[in-house]
Amino acid sequence: WAWNFHFLPPEFLEEHEHDLIELILRTYAAHGVVLPKERFCRSYALACALLYVWGGGAMQPLLRRVHAAGLLDTLAPNDARHATGWPGVRPCDREALLGAEMTRRTLTNACGIMRRHGFVQHWAEWRRGVL
């Protein structure tokens, strides 16, 4: 479930992440799976490396499409035009714009999750074979 947190607005995730993680852990426990929060958060932080790599790889072709459509110069994070459906923009370009915003959220959230949950320390431990 936490895998899908990366699509949330970054400010929302940062504000509610603790409660969302607690809900996941309670739900697992209610179904007989006890998962220590520390272990969950370590895996959560390490898994974000994949989100970061995939997001970085996806962003380049998406931005190339947005640029080719002449829309890159005016694009902004959380662009209000997403709410209006980008009137006058071709559907294929709207798709690229939506993909770029989703990927921006992924990259922003992956970095935030890794920072909040000690990615650097966990990565070093994993590389040393401690985990």
Protein backbone atom coordinates (compact mmCIF):
# COMPACT_ATOMS: atom_id res chain seq x y z
CA TRP A 1 0.00 0.00 0.00
CA ALA A 2 2.80 2.39 0.87
CA TRP A 3 4.08 1.92 -2.67
CA ASN A 4 1.24 4.16 -3.85
CA PHE A 5 2.04 6.99 -1.42
CA HIS A 6 4.39 8.47 -4.01
CA PHE A 7 1.42 9.73 -6.08
CA LEU A 8 0.06 11.82 -3.22
CA PRO A 9 0.67 15.57 -3.15
CA PRO A 10 4.03 15.87 -1.33
CA GLU A 11 2.71 18.28 1.32
CA PHE A 12 -0.17 15.92 2.09
CA LEU A 13 2.14 12.92 2.38
CA GLU A 14 4.55 14.70 4.67
CA GLU A 15 1.69 15.84 6.92
CA HIS A 16 -0.15 12.49 7.06
CA GLU A 17 2.58 9.89 6.48
CA HIS A 18 2.84 8.85 10.13
CA ASP A 19 -0.90 8.17 10.34
CA LEU A 20 -0.91 6.31 7.01
CA ILE A 21 1.96 4.08 8.13
CA GLU A 22 0.24 3.40 11.45
CA LEU A 23 -2.95 2.45 9.58
CA ILE A 24 -1.03 0.00 7.38
CA LEU A 25 0.66 -1.59 10.39
CA ARG A 26 -2.67 -1.88 12.26
CA THR A 27 -4.32 -3.43 9.20
CA TYR A 28 -1.53 -5.99 8.85
CA ALA A 29 -1.77 -6.79 12.58
CA ALA A 30 -5.55 -7.22 12.31
CA HIS A 31 -4.85 -9.89 9.70
CA GLY A 32 -2.24 -11.67 11.80
CA VAL A 33 0.91 -10.11 10.38
CA VAL A 34 2.97 -8.26 12.96
CA LEU A 35 5.49 -6.00 11.31
CA PRO A 36 7.74 -3.81 13.46
CA LYS A 37 7.51 -0.16 12.43
CA GLU A 38 11.31 0.16 12.24
CA ARG A 39 11.51 -2.73 9.77
CA PHE A 40 8.64 -1.35 7.71
CA CYS A 41 10.18 2.15 7.55
CA ARG A 42 13.61 0.74 6.61
CA SER A 43 12.09 -1.20 3.70
CA TYR A 44 9.93 1.79 2.77
CA ALA A 45 12.98 4.07 2.61
CA LEU A 46 15.09 1.58 0.65
CA ALA A 47 12.28 0.89 -1.84
CA CYS A 48 12.19 4.59 -2.67
CA ALA A 49 15.51 4.18 -4.46
CA LEU A 50 13.55 2.32 -7.16
CA LEU A 51 10.97 5.10 -7.34
CA TYR A 52 13.75 7.64 -7.72
CA VAL A 53 15.47 5.70 -10.51
CA TRP A 54 12.25 4.93 -12.38
CA GLY A 55 10.98 8.48 -11.97
CA GLY A 56 14.26 9.93 -13.19
CA GLY A 57 14.18 7.69 -16.23
CA ALA A 58 10.57 8.57 -17.00
CA MET A 59 10.95 12.32 -16.59
CA GLN A 60 13.26 12.86 -19.55
CA PRO A 61 10.94 11.50 -22.28
CA LEU A 62 7.93 13.16 -20.64
CA LEU A 63 9.60 16.56 -20.55
CA ARG A 64 10.79 16.09 -24.14
CA ARG A 65 7.14 15.61 -25.17
CA VAL A 66 5.99 18.60 -23.09
CA HIS A 67 8.75 20.74 -24.60
CA ALA A 68 7.92 19.62 -28.15
CA ALA A 69 4.33 20.73 -27.55
CA GLY A 70 5.58 24.18 -26.49
CA LEU A 71 4.24 23.81 -22.95
CA LEU A 72 7.42 23.46 -20.88
CA ASP A 73 8.18 27.17 -20.46
CA THR A 74 4.95 27.80 -18.54
CA LEU A 75 4.73 24.52 -16.61
CA ALA A 76 4.77 24.79 -12.81
CA PRO A 77 4.60 22.28 -9.94
CA ASN A 78 0.97 21.62 -8.99
CA ASP A 79 -0.02 23.59 -12.09
CA ALA A 80 -3.60 24.83 -11.71
CA ARG A 81 -4.28 23.92 -15.32
CA HIS A 82 -4.38 20.25 -14.29
CA ALA A 83 -7.70 20.99 -12.57
CA THR A 84 -9.19 22.50 -15.73
CA GLY A 85 -8.10 19.68 -18.02
CA TRP A 86 -5.69 21.86 -19.99
CA PRO A 87 -8.25 23.40 -22.39
CA GLY A 88 -6.97 23.66 -25.94
CA VAL A 89 -4.20 21.10 -25.37
CA ARG A 90 -4.18 17.92 -27.44
CA PRO A 91 -5.03 14.73 -25.48
CA CYS A 92 -1.60 13.22 -26.13
CA ASP A 93 0.02 16.36 -24.68
CA ARG A 94 -2.32 16.30 -21.67
CA GLU A 95 -1.17 12.76 -21.06
CA ALA A 96 2.47 13.89 -21.06
CA LEU A 97 1.64 16.80 -18.74
CA LEU A 98 -0.14 14.51 -16.30
CA GLY A 99 2.74 12.04 -16.46
CA ALA A 100 5.23 14.83 -15.78
CA GLU A 101 3.26 15.98 -12.72
CA MET A 102 2.91 12.43 -11.41
CA THR A 103 6.63 11.89 -11.90
CA ARG A 104 7.46 15.18 -10.18
CA ARG A 105 5.42 13.99 -7.20
CA THR A 106 7.20 10.64 -7.30
CA LEU A 107 10.63 12.24 -7.27
CA THR A 108 9.69 14.78 -4.59
CA ASN A 109 8.07 12.12 -2.41
CA ALA A 110 10.87 9.58 -2.89
CA CYS A 111 13.43 12.16 -1.75
CA GLY A 112 11.27 13.17 1.21
CA ILE A 113 10.63 9.59 2.28
CA MET A 114 14.32 8.72 2.02
CA ARG A 115 15.24 11.82 4.05
CA ARG A 116 12.59 11.26 6.74
CA HIS A 117 13.32 7.55 7.16
CA GLY A 118 17.12 7.40 7.13
CA PHE A 119 17.82 6.09 3.65
CA VAL A 120 21.54 6.92 3.77
CA GLN A 121 22.09 4.94 6.95
CA HIS A 122 19.95 2.00 5.75
CA TRP A 123 21.70 1.93 2.37
CA ALA A 124 25.12 1.88 4.05
CA GLU A 125 23.99 -0.98 6.32
CA TRP A 126 22.59 -2.90 3.35
CA ARG A 127 25.85 -2.47 1.41
CA ARG A 128 27.84 -3.75 4.43
CA GLY A 129 25.52 -6.74 4.68
CA VAL A 130 24.19 -5.70 8.07
CA LEU A 131 20.53 -5.92 7.07
